[in-house]
């Protein structure tokens, strides 16, 4: 009988270690996905800059209108609010949180109510 309890305790501690390993793997995957998204966005922006430099007929792009990444929704332009608002709106539409709860993290599940309430202020 004592053998069974010892074995159950051993399995329980092993299961706890496996659970901790899964947690750390999940965190690493999340970090890699966020880095991958940032690199995709940067890569797309660099491709557009390179294309603009190689195409002398392309109109020059202003600082207020950043290059959009393929598939992104255009960022809303707020009149009279300022460049900071436009930058935050652009970041949000590129797929990142701008709220104080998850700032800078990749949005994985659609719109964030905290970010949307921040943008509506």
PDB file of N, CA and C in Angstrom:
ATOM      1  N   UNK A   1       0.827  -1.198   0.000  1.00  0.00           N
ATOM      2  CA  UNK A   1       0.000   0.000   0.000  1.00  0.00           C
ATOM      3  C   UNK A   1       0.865   1.255   0.000  1.00  0.00           C
ATOM      4  N   UNK A   2       1.950   1.235   0.792  1.00  0.00           N
ATOM      5  CA  UNK A   2       2.849   2.386   0.832  1.00  0.00           C
ATOM      6  C   UNK A   2       3.527   2.587  -0.511  1.00  0.00           C
ATOM      7  N   UNK A   3       3.742   1.504  -1.228  1.00  0.00           N
ATOM      8  CA  UNK A   3       4.346   1.580  -2.564  1.00  0.00           C
ATOM      9  C   UNK A   3       3.461   2.369  -3.532  1.00  0.00           C
ATOM     10  N   UNK A   4       2.167   2.146  -3.428  1.00  0.00           N
ATOM     11  CA  UNK A   4       1.224   2.835  -4.312  1.00  0.00           C
ATOM     12  C   UNK A   4       1.240   4.335  -4.024  1.00  0.00           C
ATOM     13  N   UNK A   5       1.216   4.722  -2.757  1.00  0.00           N
ATOM     14  CA  UNK A   5       1.235   6.149  -2.400  1.00  0.00           C
ATOM     15  C   UNK A   5       2.554   6.794  -2.820  1.00  0.00           C
ATOM     16  N   UNK A   6       3.635   6.088  -2.660  1.00  0.00           N
ATOM     17  CA  UNK A   6       4.927   6.624  -3.081  1.00  0.00           C
ATOM     18  C   UNK A   6       4.941   6.829  -4.593  1.00  0.00           C
ATOM     19  N   UNK A   7       4.406   5.879  -5.320  1.00  0.00           N
ATOM     20  CA  UNK A   7       4.353   5.990  -6.790  1.00  0.00           C
ATOM     21  C   UNK A   7       3.444   7.147  -7.224  1.00  0.00           C
ATOM     22  N   UNK A   8       2.297   7.319  -6.560  1.00  0.00           N
ATOM     23  CA  UNK A   8       1.389   8.423  -6.883  1.00  0.00           C
ATOM     24  C   UNK A   8       2.068   9.764  -6.603  1.00  0.00           C
ATOM     25  N   UNK A   9       2.762   9.886  -5.490  1.00  0.00           N
ATOM     26  CA  UNK A   9       3.485  11.115  -5.172  1.00  0.00           C
ATOM     27  C   UNK A   9       4.567  11.395  -6.215  1.00  0.00           C
ATOM     28  N   UNK A  10       5.257  10.349  -6.641  1.00  0.00           N
ATOM     29  CA  UNK A  10       6.297  10.499  -7.661  1.00  0.00           C
ATOM     30  C   UNK A  10       5.690  10.967  -8.988  1.00  0.00           C
ATOM     31  N   UNK A  11       4.585  10.372  -9.382  1.00  0.00           N
ATOM     32  CA  UNK A  11       3.905  10.776 -10.616  1.00  0.00           C
ATOM     33  C   UNK A  11       3.392  12.206 -10.522  1.00  0.00           C
ATOM     34  N   UNK A  12       2.881  12.581  -9.350  1.00  0.00           N
ATOM     35  CA  UNK A  12       2.366  13.932  -9.158  1.00  0.00           C
ATOM     36  C   UNK A  12       3.482  14.963  -9.314  1.00  0.00           C
ATOM     37  N   UNK A  13       4.640  14.695  -8.731  1.00  0.00           N
ATOM     38  CA  UNK A  13       5.751  15.642  -8.859  1.00  0.00           C
ATOM     39  C   UNK A  13       6.266  15.680 -10.301  1.00  0.00           C
ATOM     40  N   UNK A  14       6.265  14.533 -10.964  1.00  0.00           N
ATOM     41  CA  UNK A  14       6.684  14.495 -12.380  1.00  0.00           C
ATOM     42  C   UNK A  14       5.694  15.282 -13.243  1.00  0.00           C
ATOM     43  N   UNK A  15       4.402  15.142 -12.966  1.00  0.00           N
ATOM     44  CA  UNK A  15       3.383  15.879 -13.709  1.00  0.00           C
ATOM     45  C   UNK A  15       3.535  17.388 -13.498  1.00  0.00           C
ATOM     46  N   UNK A  16       3.869  17.786 -12.300  1.00  0.00           N
ATOM     47  CA  UNK A  16       4.106  19.212 -12.017  1.00  0.00           C
ATOM     48  C   UNK A  16       5.276  19.746 -12.827  1.00  0.00           C
ATOM     49  N   UNK A  17       6.343  18.951 -12.933  1.00  0.00           N
ATOM     50  CA  UNK A  17       7.500  19.378 -13.719  1.00  0.00           C
ATOM     51  C   UNK A  17       7.147  19.482 -15.195  1.00  0.00           C
ATOM     52  N   UNK A  18       6.373  18.539 -15.701  1.00  0.00           N
ATOM     53  CA  UNK A  18       5.944  18.579 -17.102  1.00  0.00           C
ATOM     54  C   UNK A  18       5.069  19.804 -17.349  1.00  0.00           C
ATOM     55  N   UNK A  19       4.190  20.109 -16.418  1.00  0.00           N
ATOM     56  CA  UNK A  19       3.322  21.289 -16.532  1.00  0.00           C
ATOM     57  C   UNK A  19       4.163  22.575 -16.581  1.00  0.00           C
ATOM     58  N   UNK A  20       5.173  22.657 -15.739  1.00  0.00           N
ATOM     59  CA  UNK A  20       6.057  23.832 -15.740  1.00  0.00           C
ATOM     60  C   UNK A  20       6.811  23.935 -17.061  1.00  0.00           C
ATOM     61  N   UNK A  21       7.253  22.798 -17.588  1.00  0.00           N
ATOM     62  CA  UNK A  21       7.941  22.800 -18.887  1.00  0.00           C
ATOM     63  C   UNK A  21       7.015  23.294 -19.994  1.00  0.00           C
ATOM     64  N   UNK A  22       5.765  22.846 -19.976  1.00  0.00           N
ATOM     65  CA  UNK A  22       4.812  23.306 -20.981  1.00  0.00           C
ATOM     66  C   UNK A  22       4.568  24.810 -20.860  1.00  0.00           C
ATOM     67  N   UNK A  23       4.500  25.311 -19.646  1.00  0.00           N
ATOM     68  CA  UNK A  23       4.310  26.747 -19.441  1.00  0.00           C
ATOM     69  C   UNK A  23       5.459  27.559 -20.014  1.00  0.00           C
ATOM     70  N   UNK A  24       6.678  27.109 -19.780  1.00  0.00           N
ATOM     71  CA  UNK A  24       7.835  27.846 -20.312  1.00  0.00           C
ATOM     72  C   UNK A  24       7.899  27.734 -21.830  1.00  0.00           C
ATOM     73  N   UNK A  25       7.551  26.587 -22.390  1.00  0.00           N
ATOM     74  CA  UNK A  25       7.508  26.440 -23.848  1.00  0.00           C
ATOM     75  C   UNK A  25       6.441  27.337 -24.464  1.00  0.00           C
ATOM     76  N   UNK A  26       5.298  27.429 -23.805  1.00  0.00           N
ATOM     77  CA  UNK A  26       4.216  28.283 -24.299  1.00  0.00           C
ATOM     78  C   UNK A  26       4.651  29.748 -24.309  1.00  0.00           C
ATOM     79  N   UNK A  27       5.348  30.193 -23.279  1.00  0.00           N
ATOM     80  CA  UNK A  27       5.835  31.568 -23.208  1.00  0.00           C
ATOM     81  C   UNK A  27       6.852  31.829 -24.311  1.00  0.00           C
ATOM     82  N   UNK A  28       7.750  30.871 -24.541  1.00  0.00           N
ATOM     83  CA  UNK A  28       8.766  31.033 -25.587  1.00  0.00           C
ATOM     84  C   UNK A  28       8.102  31.108 -26.966  1.00  0.00           C
ATOM     85  N   UNK A  29       7.086  30.284 -27.210  1.00  0.00           N
ATOM     86  CA  UNK A  29       6.369  30.314 -28.486  1.00  0.00           C
ATOM     87  C   UNK A  29       5.698  31.668 -28.672  1.00  0.00           C
ATOM     88  N   UNK A  30       5.107  32.202 -27.624  1.00  0.00           N
ATOM     89  CA  UNK A  30       4.458  33.519 -27.694  1.00  0.00           C
ATOM     90  C   UNK A  30       5.476  34.592 -28.062  1.00  0.00           C
ATOM     91  N   UNK A  31       6.651  34.565 -27.423  1.00  0.00           N
ATOM     92  CA  UNK A  31       7.696  35.542 -27.719  1.00  0.00           C
ATOM     93  C   UNK A  31       8.167  35.414 -29.167  1.00  0.00           C
ATOM     94  N   UNK A  32       8.314  34.182 -29.641  1.00  0.00           N
ATOM     95  CA  UNK A  32       8.757  33.970 -31.015  1.00  0.00           C
ATOM     96  C   UNK A  32       7.708  34.447 -32.021  1.00  0.00           C
ATOM     97  N   UNK A  33       6.427  34.230 -31.720  1.00  0.00           N
ATOM     98  CA  UNK A  33       5.367  34.708 -32.609  1.00  0.00           C
ATOM     99  C   UNK A  33       5.343  36.231 -32.672  1.00  0.00           C
ATOM    100  N   UNK A  34       5.527  36.892 -31.525  1.00  0.00           N
ATOM    101  CA  UNK A  34       5.558  38.348 -31.498  1.00  0.00           C
ATOM    102  C   UNK A  34       6.756  38.881 -32.282  1.00  0.00           C
ATOM    103  N   UNK A  35       7.919  38.258 -32.094  1.00  0.00           N
ATOM    104  CA  UNK A  35       9.105  38.680 -32.832  1.00  0.00           C
ATOM    105  C   UNK A  35       8.916  38.453 -34.334  1.00  0.00           C
ATOM    106  N   UNK A  36       8.324  37.326 -34.695  1.00  0.00           N
ATOM    107  CA  UNK A  36       8.065  37.025 -36.102  1.00  0.00           C
ATOM    108  C   UNK A  36       7.146  38.076 -36.720  1.00  0.00           C
ATOM    109  N   UNK A  37       6.107  38.481 -36.013  1.00  0.00           N
ATOM    110  CA  UNK A  37       5.182  39.499 -36.519  1.00  0.00           C
ATOM    111  C   UNK A  37       5.903  40.838 -36.703  1.00  0.00           C
ATOM    112  N   UNK A  38       6.723  41.218 -35.713  1.00  0.00           N
ATOM    113  CA  UNK A  38       7.471  42.471 -35.834  1.00  0.00           C
ATOM    114  C   UNK A  38       8.415  42.427 -37.037  1.00  0.00           C
ATOM    115  N   UNK A  39       9.085  41.298 -37.225  1.00  0.00           N
ATOM    116  CA  UNK A  39      10.012  41.171 -38.349  1.00  0.00           C
ATOM    117  C   UNK A  39       9.288  41.177 -39.687  1.00  0.00           C
ATOM    118  N   UNK A  40       8.091  40.586 -39.744  1.00  0.00           N
ATOM    119  CA  UNK A  40       7.307  40.620 -40.984  1.00  0.00           C
ATOM    120  C   UNK A  40       6.919  42.056 -41.338  1.00  0.00           C
ATOM    121  N   UNK A  41       6.488  42.800 -40.330  1.00  0.00           N
ATOM    122  CA  UNK A  41       6.101  44.189 -40.557  1.00  0.00           C
ATOM    123  C   UNK A  41       7.312  45.001 -41.012  1.00  0.00           C
ATOM    124  N   UNK A  42       8.416  44.840 -40.310  1.00  0.00           N
ATOM    125  CA  UNK A  42       9.631  45.567 -40.675  1.00  0.00           C
ATOM    126  C   UNK A  42      10.098  45.181 -42.078  1.00  0.00           C
ATOM    127  N   UNK A  43      10.037  43.905 -42.392  1.00  0.00           N
ATOM    128  CA  UNK A  43      10.433  43.431 -43.711  1.00  0.00           C
ATOM    129  C   UNK A  43       9.561  44.055 -44.802  1.00  0.00           C
ATOM    130  N   UNK A  44       8.261  44.103 -44.571  1.00  0.00           N
ATOM    131  CA  UNK A  44       7.357  44.716 -45.538  1.00  0.00           C
ATOM    132  C   UNK A  44       7.649  46.190 -45.729  1.00  0.00           C
ATOM    133  N   UNK A  45       7.926  46.886 -44.636  1.00  0.00           N
ATOM    134  CA  UNK A  45       8.235  48.308 -44.733  1.00  0.00           C
ATOM    135  C   UNK A  45       9.556  48.531 -45.458  1.00  0.00           C
ATOM    136  N   UNK A  46      10.546  47.686 -45.186  1.00  0.00           N
ATOM    137  CA  UNK A  46      11.831  47.819 -45.868  1.00  0.00           C
ATOM    138  C   UNK A  46      11.707  47.518 -47.360  1.00  0.00           C
ATOM    139  N   UNK A  47      10.868  46.549 -47.716  1.00  0.00           N
ATOM    140  CA  UNK A  47      10.641  46.252 -49.134  1.00  0.00           C
ATOM    141  C   UNK A  47      10.020  47.457 -49.844  1.00  0.00           C
ATOM    142  N   UNK A  48       9.086  48.114 -49.177  1.00  0.00           N
ATOM    143  CA  UNK A  48       8.463  49.290 -49.786  1.00  0.00           C
ATOM    144  C   UNK A  48       9.454  50.439 -49.945  1.00  0.00           C
ATOM    145  N   UNK A  49      10.314  50.636 -48.946  1.00  0.00           N
ATOM    146  CA  UNK A  49      11.332  51.679 -49.049  1.00  0.00           C
ATOM    147  C   UNK A  49      12.283  51.365 -50.195  1.00  0.00           C
ATOM    148  N   UNK A  50      12.705  50.112 -50.287  1.00  0.00           N
ATOM    149  CA  UNK A  50      13.600  49.707 -51.362  1.00  0.00           C
ATOM    150  C   UNK A  50      12.943  49.875 -52.729  1.00  0.00           C
ATOM    151  N   UNK A  51      11.668  49.520 -52.813  1.00  0.00           N
ATOM    152  CA  UNK A  51      10.944  49.676 -54.076  1.00  0.00           C
ATOM    153  C   UNK A  51      10.832  51.151 -54.450  1.00  0.00           C
ATOM    154  N   UNK A  52      10.546  52.011 -53.453  1.00  0.00           N
ATOM    155  CA  UNK A  52      10.442  53.447 -53.698  1.00  0.00           C
ATOM    156  C   UNK A  52      11.769  54.027 -54.167  1.00  0.00           C
ATOM    157  N   UNK A  53      12.877  53.563 -53.572  1.00  0.00           N
ATOM    158  CA  UNK A  53      14.191  54.071 -53.958  1.00  0.00           C
ATOM    159  C   UNK A  53      14.579  53.619 -55.361  1.00  0.00           C
ATOM    160  N   UNK A  54      14.143  52.437 -55.761  1.00  0.00           N
ATOM    161  CA  UNK A  54      14.478  51.914 -57.083  1.00  0.00           C
ATOM    162  C   UNK A  54      13.523  52.382 -58.163  1.00  0.00           C
ATOM    163  N   UNK A  55      12.391  52.970 -57.778  1.00  0.00           N
ATOM    164  CA  UNK A  55      11.399  53.444 -58.745  1.00  0.00           C
ATOM    165  C   UNK A  55      11.322  54.973 -58.660  1.00  0.00           C
ATOM    166  N   UNK A  56      12.031  55.680 -59.553  1.00  0.00           N
ATOM    167  CA  UNK A  56      12.042  57.151 -59.452  1.00  0.00           C
ATOM    168  C   UNK A  56      10.698  57.787 -59.789  1.00  0.00           C
ATOM    169  N   UNK A  57       9.757  57.046 -60.393  1.00  0.00           N
ATOM    170  CA  UNK A  57       8.452  57.623 -60.734  1.00  0.00           C
ATOM    171  C   UNK A  57       7.474  57.563 -59.578  1.00  0.00           C
ATOM    172  N   UNK A  58       7.831  56.829 -58.501  1.00  0.00           N
ATOM    173  CA  UNK A  58       6.928  56.707 -57.354  1.00  0.00           C
ATOM    174  C   UNK A  58       6.877  58.037 -56.606  1.00  0.00           C
ATOM    175  N   UNK A  59       5.668  58.448 -56.166  1.00  0.00           N
ATOM    176  CA  UNK A  59       5.560  59.708 -55.408  1.00  0.00           C
ATOM    177  C   UNK A  59       6.238  59.570 -54.054  1.00  0.00           C
ATOM    178  N   UNK A  60       6.871  60.631 -53.567  1.00  0.00           N
ATOM    179  CA  UNK A  60       7.515  60.557 -52.246  1.00  0.00           C
ATOM    180  C   UNK A  60       6.475  60.389 -51.149  1.00  0.00           C
ATOM    181  N   UNK A  61       6.855  59.656 -50.114  1.00  0.00           N
ATOM    182  CA  UNK A  61       5.934  59.405 -49.004  1.00  0.00           C
ATOM    183  C   UNK A  61       6.253  60.342 -47.858  1.00  0.00           C
ATOM    184  N   UNK A  62       5.222  60.915 -47.253  1.00  0.00           N
ATOM    185  CA  UNK A  62       5.414  61.850 -46.145  1.00  0.00           C
ATOM    186  C   UNK A  62       5.485  61.094 -44.837  1.00  0.00           C
ATOM    187  N   UNK A  63       5.977  61.747 -43.789  1.00  0.00           N
ATOM    188  CA  UNK A  63       6.119  61.115 -42.479  1.00  0.00           C
ATOM    189  C   UNK A  63       4.765  60.852 -41.834  1.00  0.00           C
ATOM    190  N   UNK A  64       3.744  61.646 -42.188  1.00  0.00           N
ATOM    191  CA  UNK A  64       2.432  61.456 -41.571  1.00  0.00           C
ATOM    192  C   UNK A  64       1.692  60.252 -42.133  1.00  0.00           C
ATOM    193  N   UNK A  65       2.128  59.749 -43.283  1.00  0.00           N
ATOM    194  CA  UNK A  65       1.450  58.624 -43.913  1.00  0.00           C
ATOM    195  C   UNK A  65       2.420  57.464 -44.057  1.00  0.00           C
ATOM    196  N   UNK A  66       2.618  56.655 -42.992  1.00  0.00           N
ATOM    197  CA  UNK A  66       3.560  55.549 -43.059  1.00  0.00           C
ATOM    198  C   UNK A  66       3.078  54.483 -44.037  1.00  0.00           C
ATOM    199  N   UNK A  67       4.026  53.727 -44.547  1.00  0.00           N
ATOM    200  CA  UNK A  67       3.689  52.661 -45.491  1.00  0.00           C
ATOM    201  C   UNK A  67       2.855  51.605 -44.782  1.00  0.00           C
ATOM    202  N   UNK A  68       1.775  51.202 -45.404  1.00  0.00           N
ATOM    203  CA  UNK A  68       0.922  50.160 -44.832  1.00  0.00           C
ATOM    204  C   UNK A  68       1.461  48.804 -45.246  1.00  0.00           C
ATOM    205  N   UNK A  69       1.356  47.836 -44.374  1.00  0.00           N
ATOM    206  CA  UNK A  69       1.787  46.481 -44.667  1.00  0.00           C
ATOM    207  C   UNK A  69       0.652  45.765 -45.376  1.00  0.00           C
ATOM    208  N   UNK A  70       0.982  44.915 -46.327  1.00  0.00           N
ATOM    209  CA  UNK A  70      -0.017  44.210 -47.116  1.00  0.00           C
ATOM    210  C   UNK A  70      -1.019  43.515 -46.192  1.00  0.00           C
ATOM    211  N   UNK A  71      -2.292  43.757 -46.409  1.00  0.00           N
ATOM    212  CA  UNK A  71      -3.342  43.119 -45.620  1.00  0.00           C
ATOM    213  C   UNK A  71      -3.778  43.933 -44.416  1.00  0.00           C
ATOM    214  N   UNK A  72      -3.074  45.013 -44.091  1.00  0.00           N
ATOM    215  CA  UNK A  72      -3.463  45.828 -42.935  1.00  0.00           C
ATOM    216  C   UNK A  72      -4.574  46.782 -43.319  1.00  0.00           C
ATOM    217  N   UNK A  73      -5.379  47.109 -42.342  1.00  0.00           N
ATOM    218  CA  UNK A  73      -6.407  48.129 -42.528  1.00  0.00           C
ATOM    219  C   UNK A  73      -5.731  49.485 -42.413  1.00  0.00           C
ATOM    220  N   UNK A  74      -6.174  50.485 -43.154  1.00  0.00           N
ATOM    221  CA  UNK A  74      -5.560  51.806 -43.006  1.00  0.00           C
ATOM    222  C   UNK A  74      -5.893  52.393 -41.643  1.00  0.00           C
ATOM    223  N   UNK A  75      -4.923  53.089 -41.074  1.00  0.00           N
ATOM    224  CA  UNK A  75      -5.125  53.686 -39.758  1.00  0.00           C
ATOM    225  C   UNK A  75      -6.025  54.910 -39.893  1.00  0.00           C
ATOM    226  N   UNK A  76      -6.979  55.100 -38.971  1.00  0.00           N
ATOM    227  CA  UNK A  76      -7.840  56.273 -39.041  1.00  0.00           C
ATOM    228  C   UNK A  76      -7.048  57.528 -38.745  1.00  0.00           C
ATOM    229  N   UNK A  77      -7.359  58.580 -39.452  1.00  0.00           N
ATOM    230  CA  UNK A  77      -6.665  59.845 -39.253  1.00  0.00           C
ATOM    231  C   UNK A  77      -7.554  60.743 -38.403  1.00  0.00           C
ATOM    232  N   UNK A  78      -7.044  61.135 -37.260  1.00  0.00           N
ATOM    233  CA  UNK A  78      -7.793  62.017 -36.370  1.00  0.00           C
ATOM    234  C   UNK A  78      -7.375  63.446 -36.664  1.00  0.00           C
ATOM    235  N   UNK A  79      -8.341  64.320 -36.837  1.00  0.00           N
ATOM    236  CA  UNK A  79      -8.049  65.709 -37.165  1.00  0.00           C
ATOM    237  C   UNK A  79      -7.740  66.481 -35.896  1.00  0.00           C
ATOM    238  N   UNK A  80      -6.590  67.118 -35.872  1.00  0.00           N
ATOM    239  CA  UNK A  80      -6.235  67.983 -34.762  1.00  0.00           C
ATOM    240  C   UNK A  80      -5.805  67.271 -33.499  1.00  0.00           C
ATOM    241  N   UNK A  81      -5.670  65.962 -33.505  1.00  0.00           N
ATOM    242  CA  UNK A  81      -5.317  65.248 -32.289  1.00  0.00           C
ATOM    243  C   UNK A  81      -3.811  65.169 -32.132  1.00  0.00           C
ATOM    244  N   UNK A  82      -3.101  64.939 -33.223  1.00  0.00           N
ATOM    245  CA  UNK A  82      -1.653  64.942 -33.148  1.00  0.00           C
ATOM    246  C   UNK A  82      -1.018  63.695 -33.724  1.00  0.00           C
ATOM    247  N   UNK A  83       0.269  63.806 -33.927  1.00  0.00           N
ATOM    248  CA  UNK A  83       1.026  62.719 -34.537  1.00  0.00           C
ATOM    249  C   UNK A  83       1.125  61.512 -33.614  1.00  0.00           C
ATOM    250  N   UNK A  84       1.170  61.732 -32.297  1.00  0.00           N
ATOM    251  CA  UNK A  84       1.247  60.618 -31.349  1.00  0.00           C
ATOM    252  C   UNK A  84       0.046  59.700 -31.460  1.00  0.00           C
ATOM    253  N   UNK A  85      -1.129  60.285 -31.574  1.00  0.00           N
ATOM    254  CA  UNK A  85      -2.346  59.495 -31.736  1.00  0.00           C
ATOM    255  C   UNK A  85      -2.274  58.668 -33.013  1.00  0.00           C
ATOM    256  N   UNK A  86      -1.824  59.294 -34.102  1.00  0.00           N
ATOM    257  CA  UNK A  86      -1.723  58.586 -35.383  1.00  0.00           C
ATOM    258  C   UNK A  86      -0.752  57.419 -35.289  1.00  0.00           C
ATOM    259  N   UNK A  87       0.361  57.603 -34.580  1.00  0.00           N
ATOM    260  CA  UNK A  87       1.330  56.523 -34.422  1.00  0.00           C
ATOM    261  C   UNK A  87       0.746  55.362 -33.622  1.00  0.00           C
ATOM    262  N   UNK A  88       0.011  55.681 -32.548  1.00  0.00           N
ATOM    263  CA  UNK A  88      -0.612  54.620 -31.751  1.00  0.00           C
ATOM    264  C   UNK A  88      -1.685  53.893 -32.556  1.00  0.00           C
ATOM    265  N   UNK A  89      -2.469  54.635 -33.319  1.00  0.00           N
ATOM    266  CA  UNK A  89      -3.498  54.014 -34.154  1.00  0.00           C
ATOM    267  C   UNK A  89      -2.859  53.107 -35.197  1.00  0.00           C
ATOM    268  N   UNK A  90      -1.742  53.541 -35.772  1.00  0.00           N
ATOM    269  CA  UNK A  90      -1.038  52.715 -36.762  1.00  0.00           C
ATOM    270  C   UNK A  90      -0.523  51.431 -36.116  1.00  0.00           C
ATOM    271  N   UNK A  91       0.070  51.545 -34.928  1.00  0.00           N
ATOM    272  CA  UNK A  91       0.559  50.362 -34.211  1.00  0.00           C
ATOM    273  C   UNK A  91      -0.581  49.387 -33.931  1.00  0.00           C
ATOM    274  N   UNK A  92      -1.718  49.928 -33.502  1.00  0.00           N
ATOM    275  CA  UNK A  92      -2.867  49.067 -33.206  1.00  0.00           C
ATOM    276  C   UNK A  92      -3.319  48.322 -34.454  1.00  0.00           C
ATOM    277  N   UNK A  93      -3.384  49.015 -35.576  1.00  0.00           N
ATOM    278  CA  UNK A  93      -3.840  48.389 -36.812  1.00  0.00           C
ATOM    279  C   UNK A  93      -2.795  47.457 -37.417  1.00  0.00           C
ATOM    280  N   UNK A  94      -1.546  47.576 -36.961  1.00  0.00           N
ATOM    281  CA  UNK A  94      -0.516  46.626 -37.380  1.00  0.00           C
ATOM    282  C   UNK A  94      -0.563  45.364 -36.534  1.00  0.00           C
ATOM    283  N   UNK A  95      -1.405  45.342 -35.501  1.00  0.00           N
ATOM    284  CA  UNK A  95      -1.605  44.125 -34.728  1.00  0.00           C
ATOM    285  C   UNK A  95      -1.009  44.124 -33.342  1.00  0.00           C
ATOM    286  N   UNK A  96      -0.656  45.295 -32.804  1.00  0.00           N
ATOM    287  CA  UNK A  96      -0.059  45.361 -31.477  1.00  0.00           C
ATOM    288  C   UNK A  96      -0.983  46.080 -30.499  1.00  0.00           C
ATOM    289  N   UNK A  97      -0.868  45.694 -29.220  1.00  0.00           N
ATOM    290  CA  UNK A  97      -1.632  46.367 -28.170  1.00  0.00           C
ATOM    291  C   UNK A  97      -1.025  47.741 -27.899  1.00  0.00           C
ATOM    292  N   UNK A  98      -1.891  48.716 -27.625  1.00  0.00           N
ATOM    293  CA  UNK A  98      -1.443  50.059 -27.233  1.00  0.00           C
ATOM    294  C   UNK A  98      -1.984  50.431 -25.858  1.00  0.00           C
ATOM    295  N   UNK A  99      -2.732  49.526 -25.247  1.00  0.00           N
ATOM    296  CA  UNK A  99      -3.300  49.793 -23.914  1.00  0.00           C
ATOM    297  C   UNK A  99      -2.228  49.577 -22.844  1.00  0.00           C
ATOM    298  N   UNK A 100      -2.496  50.123 -21.661  1.00  0.00           N
ATOM    299  CA  UNK A 100      -1.529  49.989 -20.573  1.00  0.00           C
ATOM    300  C   UNK A 100      -1.480  48.573 -20.004  1.00  0.00           C
ATOM    301  N   UNK A 101      -2.429  47.726 -20.350  1.00  0.00           N
ATOM    302  CA  UNK A 101      -2.464  46.364 -19.819  1.00  0.00           C
ATOM    303  C   UNK A 101      -1.494  45.460 -20.585  1.00  0.00           C
ATOM    304  N   UNK A 102      -1.496  45.527 -21.917  1.00  0.00           N
ATOM    305  CA  UNK A 102      -0.685  44.626 -22.742  1.00  0.00           C
ATOM    306  C   UNK A 102       0.204  45.378 -23.725  1.00  0.00           C
ATOM    307  N   UNK A 103       0.588  46.587 -23.439  1.00  0.00           N
ATOM    308  CA  UNK A 103       1.292  47.446 -24.391  1.00  0.00           C
ATOM    309  C   UNK A 103       2.456  46.723 -25.073  1.00  0.00           C
ATOM    310  N   UNK A 104       2.471  46.790 -26.405  1.00  0.00           N
ATOM    311  CA  UNK A 104       3.563  46.226 -27.184  1.00  0.00           C
ATOM    312  C   UNK A 104       3.435  44.763 -27.530  1.00  0.00           C
ATOM    313  N   UNK A 105       2.499  44.063 -26.905  1.00  0.00           N
ATOM    314  CA  UNK A 105       2.316  42.647 -27.214  1.00  0.00           C
ATOM    315  C   UNK A 105       1.461  42.493 -28.466  1.00  0.00           C
ATOM    316  N   UNK A 106       1.671  41.415 -29.153  1.00  0.00           N
ATOM    317  CA  UNK A 106       0.912  41.100 -30.348  1.00  0.00           C
ATOM    318  C   UNK A 106      -0.529  40.770 -29.979  1.00  0.00           C
ATOM    319  N   UNK A 107      -1.487  41.346 -30.721  1.00  0.00           N
ATOM    320  CA  UNK A 107      -2.896  41.018 -30.492  1.00  0.00           C
ATOM    321  C   UNK A 107      -3.183  39.702 -31.198  1.00  0.00           C
ATOM    322  N   UNK A 108      -3.559  38.683 -30.437  1.00  0.00           N
ATOM    323  CA  UNK A 108      -3.760  37.357 -31.004  1.00  0.00           C
ATOM    324  C   UNK A 108      -5.231  37.042 -31.264  1.00  0.00           C
ATOM    325  N   UNK A 109      -6.148  37.704 -30.584  1.00  0.00           N
ATOM    326  CA  UNK A 109      -7.554  37.327 -30.658  1.00  0.00           C
ATOM    327  C   UNK A 109      -8.455  38.490 -31.069  1.00  0.00           C
ATOM    328  N   UNK A 110      -8.097  39.201 -32.101  1.00  0.00           N
ATOM    329  CA  UNK A 110      -8.965  40.276 -32.580  1.00  0.00           C
ATOM    330  C   UNK A 110      -8.790  41.563 -31.812  1.00  0.00           C
ATOM    331  N   UNK A 111      -9.878  42.341 -31.735  1.00  0.00           N
ATOM    332  CA  UNK A 111      -9.818  43.656 -31.105  1.00  0.00           C
ATOM    333  C   UNK A 111      -9.720  43.559 -29.590  1.00  0.00           C
ATOM    334  N   UNK A 112      -9.045  44.545 -28.999  1.00  0.00           N
ATOM    335  CA  UNK A 112      -8.899  44.639 -27.542  1.00  0.00           C
ATOM    336  C   UNK A 112      -9.745  45.816 -27.062  1.00  0.00           C
ATOM    337  N   UNK A 113     -10.632  45.570 -26.122  1.00  0.00           N
ATOM    338  CA  UNK A 113     -11.504  46.628 -25.623  1.00  0.00           C
ATOM    339  C   UNK A 113     -10.729  47.739 -24.924  1.00  0.00           C
ATOM    340  N   UNK A 114      -9.630  47.386 -24.234  1.00  0.00           N
ATOM    341  CA  UNK A 114      -8.818  48.395 -23.565  1.00  0.00           C
ATOM    342  C   UNK A 114      -8.190  49.336 -24.601  1.00  0.00           C
ATOM    343  N   UNK A 115      -7.642  48.745 -25.672  1.00  0.00           N
ATOM    344  CA  UNK A 115      -7.016  49.561 -26.723  1.00  0.00           C
ATOM    345  C   UNK A 115      -8.058  50.442 -27.411  1.00  0.00           C
ATOM    346  N   UNK A 116      -9.214  49.855 -27.719  1.00  0.00           N
ATOM    347  CA  UNK A 116     -10.267  50.617 -28.397  1.00  0.00           C
ATOM    348  C   UNK A 116     -10.755  51.774 -27.546  1.00  0.00           C
ATOM    349  N   UNK A 117     -10.886  51.552 -26.225  1.00  0.00           N
ATOM    350  CA  UNK A 117     -11.323  52.641 -25.356  1.00  0.00           C
ATOM    351  C   UNK A 117     -10.252  53.723 -25.280  1.00  0.00           C
ATOM    352  N   UNK A 118      -8.992  53.324 -25.335  1.00  0.00           N
ATOM    353  CA  UNK A 118      -7.898  54.288 -25.321  1.00  0.00           C
ATOM    354  C   UNK A 118      -7.931  55.125 -26.605  1.00  0.00           C
ATOM    355  N   UNK A 119      -8.165  54.482 -27.747  1.00  0.00           N
ATOM    356  CA  UNK A 119      -8.224  55.207 -29.026  1.00  0.00           C
ATOM    357  C   UNK A 119      -9.428  56.152 -29.104  1.00  0.00           C
ATOM    358  N   UNK A 120     -10.500  55.802 -28.411  1.00  0.00           N
ATOM    359  CA  UNK A 120     -11.712  56.637 -28.505  1.00  0.00           C
ATOM    360  C   UNK A 120     -11.646  57.875 -27.611  1.00  0.00           C
ATOM    361  N   UNK A 121     -10.653  57.953 -26.733  1.00  0.00           N
ATOM    362  CA  UNK A 121     -10.526  59.116 -25.832  1.00  0.00           C
ATOM    363  C   UNK A 121     -10.074  60.328 -26.584  1.00  0.00           C
TER     364      UNK A 121
END
